[in-house]
């Protein structure tokens, strides 16, 4: 997806969240803040975006997002359960007045240039959580570091928007 296409997806997502009276919190690893930046680039995003946590260092995933430390030690950060726990954890971490965000979304993976935790470059997990639970999707992306990170942003925003629209 082009940068303009990603902006359009973000605008549509912000509009859908606003119409529903819902909020989103973002936990990012390999994208390093790109997801929340894309969202807050949309006018009116302050009504729905709670904020973002860049948990780039693996221990931050445990201490801030409540990802199980044993899971991280056993499997590493590039894992679907880590993505699920990040998404669920950020809903709570960015609660306002004790109310979790409606949605938590997360990214974890390998943008390169080297493999990590035994996972190939381009292996990514995105997580989406709400009050009913959390799920993760595995992606295998091609390209350089920048292309992989941009594709993750686009894919995550598209999937959450589809979920809101009942398509997924």
C-alpha atoms as a PDB file:
ATOM      1  CA  UNK A   1       0.000   0.000   0.000  1.00  0.00           C
ATOM      2  CA  UNK A   2       1.240   3.488  -0.759  1.00  0.00           C
ATOM      3  CA  UNK A   3       1.879   6.067   1.945  1.00  0.00           C
ATOM      4  CA  UNK A   4      -1.250   7.917   0.778  1.00  0.00           C
ATOM      5  CA  UNK A   5      -3.206   4.650   0.940  1.00  0.00           C
ATOM      6  CA  UNK A   6      -2.046   4.055   4.498  1.00  0.00           C
ATOM      7  CA  UNK A   7      -3.112   7.597   5.431  1.00  0.00           C
ATOM      8  CA  UNK A   8      -6.527   6.917   3.935  1.00  0.00           C
ATOM      9  CA  UNK A   9      -6.829   3.722   5.938  1.00  0.00           C
ATOM     10  CA  UNK A  10      -5.856   5.573   9.110  1.00  0.00           C
ATOM     11  CA  UNK A  11      -8.419   8.292   8.383  1.00  0.00           C
ATOM     12  CA  UNK A  12     -11.117   5.695   7.810  1.00  0.00           C
ATOM     13  CA  UNK A  13     -10.166   3.897  11.003  1.00  0.00           C
ATOM     14  CA  UNK A  14     -10.256   7.094  13.065  1.00  0.00           C
ATOM     15  CA  UNK A  15     -13.659   7.947  11.551  1.00  0.00           C
ATOM     16  CA  UNK A  16     -15.016   4.461  12.320  1.00  0.00           C
ATOM     17  CA  UNK A  17     -13.746   4.532  15.905  1.00  0.00           C
ATOM     18  CA  UNK A  18     -15.195   8.010  16.396  1.00  0.00           C
ATOM     19  CA  UNK A  19     -18.593   6.952  15.037  1.00  0.00           C
ATOM     20  CA  UNK A  20     -18.607   3.961  17.400  1.00  0.00           C
ATOM     21  CA  UNK A  21     -17.396   5.926  20.423  1.00  0.00           C
ATOM     22  CA  UNK A  22     -14.430   3.571  20.780  1.00  0.00           C
ATOM     23  CA  UNK A  23     -10.752   4.022  21.565  1.00  0.00           C
ATOM     24  CA  UNK A  24      -7.482   2.390  20.551  1.00  0.00           C
ATOM     25  CA  UNK A  25      -4.142   1.905  22.303  1.00  0.00           C
ATOM     26  CA  UNK A  26      -1.016   0.857  20.417  1.00  0.00           C
ATOM     27  CA  UNK A  27       1.930  -1.335  21.465  1.00  0.00           C
ATOM     28  CA  UNK A  28       4.802  -1.377  19.015  1.00  0.00           C
ATOM     29  CA  UNK A  29       8.109  -3.127  18.743  1.00  0.00           C
ATOM     30  CA  UNK A  30       9.563  -3.337  15.230  1.00  0.00           C
ATOM     31  CA  UNK A  31       7.469  -0.393  13.995  1.00  0.00           C
ATOM     32  CA  UNK A  32       8.893   1.879  16.699  1.00  0.00           C
ATOM     33  CA  UNK A  33       5.974   4.319  16.838  1.00  0.00           C
ATOM     34  CA  UNK A  34       4.995   4.338  13.161  1.00  0.00           C
ATOM     35  CA  UNK A  35       1.496   2.959  13.828  1.00  0.00           C
ATOM     36  CA  UNK A  36       0.552   5.566  16.407  1.00  0.00           C
ATOM     37  CA  UNK A  37       2.170   8.284  14.276  1.00  0.00           C
ATOM     38  CA  UNK A  38       0.007   7.263  11.323  1.00  0.00           C
ATOM     39  CA  UNK A  39      -3.108   7.419  13.490  1.00  0.00           C
ATOM     40  CA  UNK A  40      -2.351  10.766  15.126  1.00  0.00           C
ATOM     41  CA  UNK A  41      -1.582  12.241  11.719  1.00  0.00           C
ATOM     42  CA  UNK A  42      -5.351  12.248  11.180  1.00  0.00           C
ATOM     43  CA  UNK A  43      -7.303  15.293  12.333  1.00  0.00           C
ATOM     44  CA  UNK A  44      -9.615  14.308  15.167  1.00  0.00           C
ATOM     45  CA  UNK A  45      -7.494  11.355  16.271  1.00  0.00           C
ATOM     46  CA  UNK A  46      -7.268  12.729  19.814  1.00  0.00           C
ATOM     47  CA  UNK A  47     -10.870  11.631  20.356  1.00  0.00           C
ATOM     48  CA  UNK A  48      -9.994   7.963  19.862  1.00  0.00           C
ATOM     49  CA  UNK A  49      -6.250   7.345  20.196  1.00  0.00           C
ATOM     50  CA  UNK A  50      -5.235   6.714  23.807  1.00  0.00           C
ATOM     51  CA  UNK A  51      -1.536   6.637  23.001  1.00  0.00           C
ATOM     52  CA  UNK A  52       1.244   4.277  22.206  1.00  0.00           C
ATOM     53  CA  UNK A  53       3.946   2.290  23.941  1.00  0.00           C
ATOM     54  CA  UNK A  54       7.129   1.610  22.018  1.00  0.00           C
ATOM     55  CA  UNK A  55       8.361  -1.566  23.670  1.00  0.00           C
ATOM     56  CA  UNK A  56      11.407  -1.980  21.478  1.00  0.00           C
ATOM     57  CA  UNK A  57      13.529  -3.640  24.161  1.00  0.00           C
ATOM     58  CA  UNK A  58      12.203  -7.089  25.035  1.00  0.00           C
ATOM     59  CA  UNK A  59      12.134  -6.506  28.835  1.00  0.00           C
ATOM     60  CA  UNK A  60       9.818  -3.513  28.349  1.00  0.00           C
ATOM     61  CA  UNK A  61       7.216  -5.865  26.933  1.00  0.00           C
ATOM     62  CA  UNK A  62       7.111  -7.603  30.325  1.00  0.00           C
ATOM     63  CA  UNK A  63       7.447  -4.595  32.623  1.00  0.00           C
ATOM     64  CA  UNK A  64       5.109  -2.161  30.863  1.00  0.00           C
ATOM     65  CA  UNK A  65       2.755  -4.370  28.832  1.00  0.00           C
ATOM     66  CA  UNK A  66       2.568  -7.333  31.221  1.00  0.00           C
ATOM     67  CA  UNK A  67       3.777  -9.877  28.662  1.00  0.00           C
ATOM     68  CA  UNK A  68       4.751 -13.078  30.467  1.00  0.00           C
ATOM     69  CA  UNK A  69       8.506 -12.920  31.163  1.00  0.00           C
ATOM     70  CA  UNK A  70       8.852 -16.712  30.914  1.00  0.00           C
ATOM     71  CA  UNK A  71       7.207 -16.652  27.504  1.00  0.00           C
ATOM     72  CA  UNK A  72       9.691 -14.029  26.356  1.00  0.00           C
ATOM     73  CA  UNK A  73      12.600 -16.049  27.769  1.00  0.00           C
ATOM     74  CA  UNK A  74      11.385 -19.292  26.183  1.00  0.00           C
ATOM     75  CA  UNK A  75      10.223 -18.109  22.763  1.00  0.00           C
ATOM     76  CA  UNK A  76      11.630 -14.615  22.313  1.00  0.00           C
ATOM     77  CA  UNK A  77       9.707 -11.518  21.325  1.00  0.00           C
ATOM     78  CA  UNK A  78       8.789 -12.659  17.799  1.00  0.00           C
ATOM     79  CA  UNK A  79       5.866 -14.902  18.665  1.00  0.00           C
ATOM     80  CA  UNK A  80       2.076 -14.840  18.202  1.00  0.00           C
ATOM     81  CA  UNK A  81       1.387 -15.141  21.929  1.00  0.00           C
ATOM     82  CA  UNK A  82       3.660 -12.171  22.572  1.00  0.00           C
ATOM     83  CA  UNK A  83       1.668 -10.142  20.029  1.00  0.00           C
ATOM     84  CA  UNK A  84      -1.604 -11.178  21.722  1.00  0.00           C
ATOM     85  CA  UNK A  85      -0.321 -10.293  25.177  1.00  0.00           C
ATOM     86  CA  UNK A  86       1.069  -6.963  23.963  1.00  0.00           C
ATOM     87  CA  UNK A  87      -2.302  -6.021  22.447  1.00  0.00           C
ATOM     88  CA  UNK A  88      -4.179  -7.056  25.596  1.00  0.00           C
ATOM     89  CA  UNK A  89      -1.637  -5.393  27.867  1.00  0.00           C
ATOM     90  CA  UNK A  90      -1.675  -2.020  26.143  1.00  0.00           C
ATOM     91  CA  UNK A  91      -5.463  -1.772  26.556  1.00  0.00           C
ATOM     92  CA  UNK A  92      -4.889  -1.861  30.307  1.00  0.00           C
ATOM     93  CA  UNK A  93      -1.609   0.089  30.399  1.00  0.00           C
ATOM     94  CA  UNK A  94      -3.296   3.034  28.678  1.00  0.00           C
ATOM     95  CA  UNK A  95      -6.558   2.883  30.622  1.00  0.00           C
ATOM     96  CA  UNK A  96      -8.123   6.229  31.484  1.00  0.00           C
ATOM     97  CA  UNK A  97      -9.939   6.535  34.816  1.00  0.00           C
ATOM     98  CA  UNK A  98      -9.739   2.760  35.139  1.00  0.00           C
ATOM     99  CA  UNK A  99     -11.392   2.158  31.763  1.00  0.00           C
ATOM    100  CA  UNK A 100      -9.254   0.175  29.292  1.00  0.00           C
ATOM    101  CA  UNK A 101      -9.067   1.219  25.667  1.00  0.00           C
ATOM    102  CA  UNK A 102     -11.695  -0.509  23.540  1.00  0.00           C
ATOM    103  CA  UNK A 103      -9.016  -1.893  21.245  1.00  0.00           C
ATOM    104  CA  UNK A 104      -5.375  -2.783  21.752  1.00  0.00           C
ATOM    105  CA  UNK A 105      -3.187  -3.365  18.728  1.00  0.00           C
ATOM    106  CA  UNK A 106       0.411  -4.533  18.572  1.00  0.00           C
ATOM    107  CA  UNK A 107       3.384  -5.247  16.349  1.00  0.00           C
ATOM    108  CA  UNK A 108       6.358  -7.525  16.953  1.00  0.00           C
ATOM    109  CA  UNK A 109       8.687  -9.055  14.433  1.00  0.00           C
ATOM    110  CA  UNK A 110      11.897  -8.884  12.471  1.00  0.00           C
ATOM    111  CA  UNK A 111      12.468  -5.943  10.134  1.00  0.00           C
ATOM    112  CA  UNK A 112      16.100  -6.835   9.543  1.00  0.00           C
ATOM    113  CA  UNK A 113      18.718  -6.691   8.470  1.00  0.00           C
ATOM    114  CA  UNK A 114      19.457  -9.862  10.500  1.00  0.00           C
ATOM    115  CA  UNK A 115      17.194 -12.679  11.758  1.00  0.00           C
ATOM    116  CA  UNK A 116      16.114 -12.498  15.415  1.00  0.00           C
ATOM    117  CA  UNK A 117      15.107 -15.211  17.891  1.00  0.00           C
ATOM    118  CA  UNK A 118      15.527 -17.784  15.111  1.00  0.00           C
ATOM    119  CA  UNK A 119      12.959 -15.984  12.936  1.00  0.00           C
ATOM    120  CA  UNK A 120      13.660 -14.819   9.397  1.00  0.00           C
ATOM    121  CA  UNK A 121      13.606 -11.197   8.330  1.00  0.00           C
ATOM    122  CA  UNK A 122      10.038 -10.295   7.385  1.00  0.00           C
ATOM    123  CA  UNK A 123       8.441 -12.558  10.014  1.00  0.00           C
ATOM    124  CA  UNK A 124       5.943 -10.380  11.864  1.00  0.00           C
ATOM    125  CA  UNK A 125       3.051 -10.875  14.254  1.00  0.00           C
ATOM    126  CA  UNK A 126       0.318  -8.304  14.688  1.00  0.00           C
ATOM    127  CA  UNK A 127      -2.118  -8.476  17.568  1.00  0.00           C
ATOM    128  CA  UNK A 128      -5.630  -7.134  18.027  1.00  0.00           C
ATOM    129  CA  UNK A 129      -7.413  -7.252  21.379  1.00  0.00           C
ATOM    130  CA  UNK A 130     -10.751  -6.138  22.748  1.00  0.00           C
ATOM    131  CA  UNK A 131     -12.703  -6.983  25.902  1.00  0.00           C
ATOM    132  CA  UNK A 132     -13.580 -10.419  24.481  1.00  0.00           C
ATOM    133  CA  UNK A 133      -9.979 -11.487  23.939  1.00  0.00           C
ATOM    134  CA  UNK A 134      -6.939 -11.158  21.730  1.00  0.00           C
ATOM    135  CA  UNK A 135      -5.739 -12.716  18.517  1.00  0.00           C
ATOM    136  CA  UNK A 136      -2.626 -12.577  16.389  1.00  0.00           C
ATOM    137  CA  UNK A 137      -1.855 -12.888  12.711  1.00  0.00           C
ATOM    138  CA  UNK A 138       1.459 -14.007  11.263  1.00  0.00           C
ATOM    139  CA  UNK A 139       2.824 -12.104   8.291  1.00  0.00           C
ATOM    140  CA  UNK A 140       5.731 -12.928   6.006  1.00  0.00           C
ATOM    141  CA  UNK A 141       6.839  -9.744   4.303  1.00  0.00           C
ATOM    142  CA  UNK A 142       9.474  -8.988   1.703  1.00  0.00           C
ATOM    143  CA  UNK A 143      11.619  -5.930   1.212  1.00  0.00           C
ATOM    144  CA  UNK A 144      14.121  -3.902   3.106  1.00  0.00           C
ATOM    145  CA  UNK A 145      13.703  -2.720   6.685  1.00  0.00           C
ATOM    146  CA  UNK A 146      11.690   0.365   5.734  1.00  0.00           C
ATOM    147  CA  UNK A 147       9.388  -1.531   3.387  1.00  0.00           C
ATOM    148  CA  UNK A 148       8.687  -4.216   5.991  1.00  0.00           C
ATOM    149  CA  UNK A 149       7.885  -1.655   8.697  1.00  0.00           C
ATOM    150  CA  UNK A 150       5.595   0.323   6.355  1.00  0.00           C
ATOM    151  CA  UNK A 151       3.797  -2.851   5.286  1.00  0.00           C
ATOM    152  CA  UNK A 152       3.189  -3.791   8.929  1.00  0.00           C
ATOM    153  CA  UNK A 153       1.581  -0.409   9.650  1.00  0.00           C
ATOM    154  CA  UNK A 154      -0.682  -0.715   6.622  1.00  0.00           C
ATOM    155  CA  UNK A 155      -1.651  -4.311   7.340  1.00  0.00           C
ATOM    156  CA  UNK A 156      -2.466  -3.685  11.009  1.00  0.00           C
ATOM    157  CA  UNK A 157      -4.605  -0.619  10.323  1.00  0.00           C
ATOM    158  CA  UNK A 158      -6.405  -2.403   7.485  1.00  0.00           C
ATOM    159  CA  UNK A 159      -7.156  -5.427   9.645  1.00  0.00           C
ATOM    160  CA  UNK A 160      -8.516  -3.386  12.542  1.00  0.00           C
ATOM    161  CA  UNK A 161     -10.660  -1.342  10.166  1.00  0.00           C
ATOM    162  CA  UNK A 162     -12.005  -4.550   8.588  1.00  0.00           C
ATOM    163  CA  UNK A 163     -12.786  -5.913  12.013  1.00  0.00           C
ATOM    164  CA  UNK A 164     -14.714  -2.769  12.903  1.00  0.00           C
ATOM    165  CA  UNK A 165     -16.663  -3.093   9.671  1.00  0.00           C
ATOM    166  CA  UNK A 166     -17.391  -6.764  10.364  1.00  0.00           C
ATOM    167  CA  UNK A 167     -15.448  -7.932   7.319  1.00  0.00           C
ATOM    168  CA  UNK A 168     -12.849 -10.039   9.114  1.00  0.00           C
END
